[in-house]
Amino acid sequence: MTAADVTTAGIEPLDSVPVPTTAELQATSFKRGTKVRLVDDHGTIPAGTRGKVAVANGVTWKRYWLRLADGRAISHVDHRSLVHDKDYDRFLVAREREAAEAELAQDSAALTENTGASAASAGGGVEVNGVTIPQLLLDRSAAARTRLGG
């Protein structure tokens, strides 16, 4: 089956389906009775544990009481530590992707910073507070000071 066959059959190809972010998967509040999973360890309870929201409270800091499958209850679980049970696998994929993107952005920033420093040291300008000032601008400023008698 080709991409054209997939589109004409009414099925979206995998490339065109947007992948949600972790923030999008955790955007909605959880109501009482919602099935959720922990995405972070909570004390002795490991990430991935299933539970049901027993109490939802908080206005600016959303937190929940959960009733776990084994009968235990835990309290003061932060909203960012939970995701809908059906979205747990997608959340893990999105979190791994975001971590990889952050690492790539950090490497790119370090490379750009190193390139700017090497350009400044090669006579291409001067670096002041992390910003490279091109030599052309420095020459113009010197010429203007000379012209104005300064």
Protein backbone atom coordinates (compact mmCIF):
# COMPACT_ATOMS: atom_id res chain seq x y z
CA MET A 1 0.00 0.00 0.00
CA THR A 2 1.50 3.34 -1.03
CA ALA A 3 1.07 6.77 0.58
CA ALA A 4 -1.48 7.68 -2.11
CA ASP A 5 -3.48 4.53 -1.33
CA VAL A 6 -3.40 5.38 2.36
CA THR A 7 -4.66 8.92 1.75
CA THR A 8 -7.44 7.82 -0.61
CA ALA A 9 -8.51 5.13 1.84
CA GLY A 10 -9.08 7.84 4.46
CA ILE A 11 -6.22 6.70 6.68
CA GLU A 12 -3.69 9.31 7.77
CA PRO A 13 -0.05 8.33 7.18
CA LEU A 14 2.05 8.19 10.35
CA ASP A 15 4.18 11.15 9.25
CA SER A 16 1.18 13.49 9.13
CA VAL A 17 -0.15 12.63 12.60
CA PRO A 18 1.05 15.28 15.06
CA VAL A 19 2.80 13.85 18.10
CA PRO A 20 1.54 15.47 21.30
CA THR A 21 3.90 17.02 23.83
CA THR A 22 3.98 16.10 27.49
CA ALA A 23 2.33 19.42 28.34
CA GLU A 24 -0.53 18.71 25.94
CA LEU A 25 -1.06 15.25 27.43
CA GLN A 26 -1.21 16.73 30.94
CA ALA A 27 -3.21 19.86 30.06
CA THR A 28 -6.61 18.83 31.40
CA SER A 29 -7.51 18.52 35.06
CA PHE A 30 -8.48 15.13 36.41
CA LYS A 31 -11.93 14.64 37.90
CA ARG A 32 -12.94 12.21 40.60
CA GLY A 33 -13.00 8.68 39.20
CA THR A 34 -10.54 9.33 36.36
CA LYS A 35 -8.12 6.47 35.71
CA VAL A 36 -4.55 7.77 35.83
CA ARG A 37 -0.95 6.58 35.99
CA LEU A 38 2.01 8.02 37.84
CA VAL A 39 4.78 9.34 35.60
CA ASP A 40 7.23 9.89 38.47
CA ASP A 41 8.08 7.82 41.51
CA HIS A 42 6.04 8.89 44.56
CA GLY A 43 7.85 7.68 47.64
CA THR A 44 7.93 3.89 47.46
CA ILE A 45 5.34 3.77 44.68
CA PRO A 46 7.03 3.42 41.27
CA ALA A 47 6.22 5.33 38.10
CA GLY A 48 3.65 3.60 35.90
CA THR A 49 1.42 2.56 38.81
CA ARG A 50 -2.27 2.72 37.96
CA GLY A 51 -4.76 4.50 40.16
CA LYS A 52 -8.07 6.30 40.29
CA VAL A 53 -8.56 9.89 41.40
CA ALA A 54 -10.38 9.87 44.74
CA VAL A 55 -10.13 13.61 45.52
CA ALA A 56 -9.12 16.51 43.30
CA ASN A 57 -8.31 19.79 45.01
CA GLY A 58 -6.35 22.99 44.61
CA VAL A 59 -6.81 26.18 42.66
CA THR A 60 -3.30 27.29 41.77
CA TRP A 61 -1.57 24.04 42.75
CA LYS A 62 -3.60 21.09 41.50
CA ARG A 63 -3.09 18.00 43.61
CA TYR A 64 -4.90 14.72 43.97
CA TRP A 65 -5.57 11.82 46.28
CA LEU A 66 -5.31 8.51 44.45
CA ARG A 67 -6.74 5.11 45.22
CA LEU A 68 -4.34 2.50 43.84
CA ALA A 69 -5.34 -0.89 42.44
CA ASP A 70 -3.98 -2.70 45.51
CA GLY A 71 -6.21 -0.64 47.85
CA ARG A 72 -3.61 1.82 49.09
CA ALA A 73 -4.26 5.53 48.94
CA ILE A 74 -1.72 8.30 48.40
CA SER A 75 -2.21 12.01 48.85
CA HIS A 76 -0.81 15.28 47.56
CA VAL A 77 0.14 13.94 44.16
CA ASP A 78 1.08 16.88 41.94
CA HIS A 79 -0.78 17.31 38.65
CA ARG A 80 2.51 17.10 36.71
CA SER A 81 3.09 13.62 38.16
CA LEU A 82 -0.02 12.17 36.53
CA VAL A 83 -1.28 11.35 33.07
CA HIS A 84 -4.45 9.64 31.81
CA ASP A 85 -4.06 5.86 31.84
CA LYS A 86 -4.70 5.62 28.08
CA ASP A 87 -2.04 8.26 27.31
CA TYR A 88 0.78 6.78 29.42
CA ASP A 89 2.73 5.14 26.56
CA ARG A 90 2.44 8.26 24.38
CA PHE A 91 3.63 10.35 27.35
CA LEU A 92 6.79 8.24 27.72
CA VAL A 93 7.58 8.60 24.01
CA ALA A 94 6.97 12.36 24.14
CA ARG A 95 9.17 12.73 27.24
CA GLU A 96 12.04 10.84 25.59
CA ARG A 97 11.66 12.93 22.42
CA GLU A 98 11.66 16.19 24.40
CA ALA A 99 14.77 15.12 26.32
CA ALA A 100 16.56 14.31 23.05
CA GLU A 101 15.50 17.66 21.55
CA ALA A 102 16.71 19.52 24.64
CA GLU A 103 20.07 17.75 24.46
CA LEU A 104 20.35 18.57 20.75
CA ALA A 105 19.49 22.25 21.42
CA GLN A 106 22.09 22.38 24.20
CA ASP A 107 24.74 20.91 21.90
CA SER A 108 23.77 23.37 19.17
CA ALA A 109 24.00 26.32 21.59
CA ALA A 110 27.42 25.16 22.78
CA LEU A 111 28.61 24.84 19.19
CA THR A 112 27.30 28.35 18.35
CA GLU A 113 28.96 29.76 21.47
CA ASN A 114 32.27 28.14 20.59
CA THR A 115 32.04 29.37 17.00
CA GLY A 116 31.39 32.95 18.19
CA ALA A 117 34.32 32.84 20.58
CA SER A 118 36.65 31.52 17.88
CA ALA A 119 35.50 34.24 15.45
CA ALA A 120 36.23 36.91 18.05
CA SER A 121 39.65 35.48 18.81
CA ALA A 122 40.45 35.24 15.08
CA GLY A 123 40.22 39.03 14.71
CA GLY A 124 36.57 39.04 13.69
CA GLY A 125 35.57 41.26 16.60
CA VAL A 126 35.44 41.48 20.35
CA GLU A 127 33.20 39.54 22.70
CA VAL A 128 31.48 41.63 25.38
CA ASN A 129 29.10 39.93 27.84
CA GLY A 130 28.73 36.94 25.54
CA VAL A 131 27.93 39.05 22.45
CA THR A 132 30.42 39.33 19.59
CA ILE A 133 30.82 42.87 18.24
CA PRO A 134 32.06 42.75 14.62
CA GLN A 135 35.36 44.46 13.83
CA LEU A 136 33.62 46.62 11.21
CA LEU A 137 31.54 48.33 13.91
CA LEU A 138 34.58 48.84 16.13
CA ASP A 139 36.44 50.49 13.22
CA ARG A 140 33.47 52.78 12.49
CA SER A 141 33.33 53.87 16.13
CA ALA A 142 37.06 54.61 16.20
CA ALA A 143 36.79 56.64 12.98
CA ALA A 144 33.86 58.66 14.36
CA ARG A 145 35.75 59.44 17.58
CA THR A 146 38.74 60.58 15.55
CA ARG A 147 36.56 62.70 13.26
CA LEU A 148 34.80 64.36 16.20
CA GLY A 149 38.06 65.06 17.99
CA GLY A 150 37.50 62.60 20.78
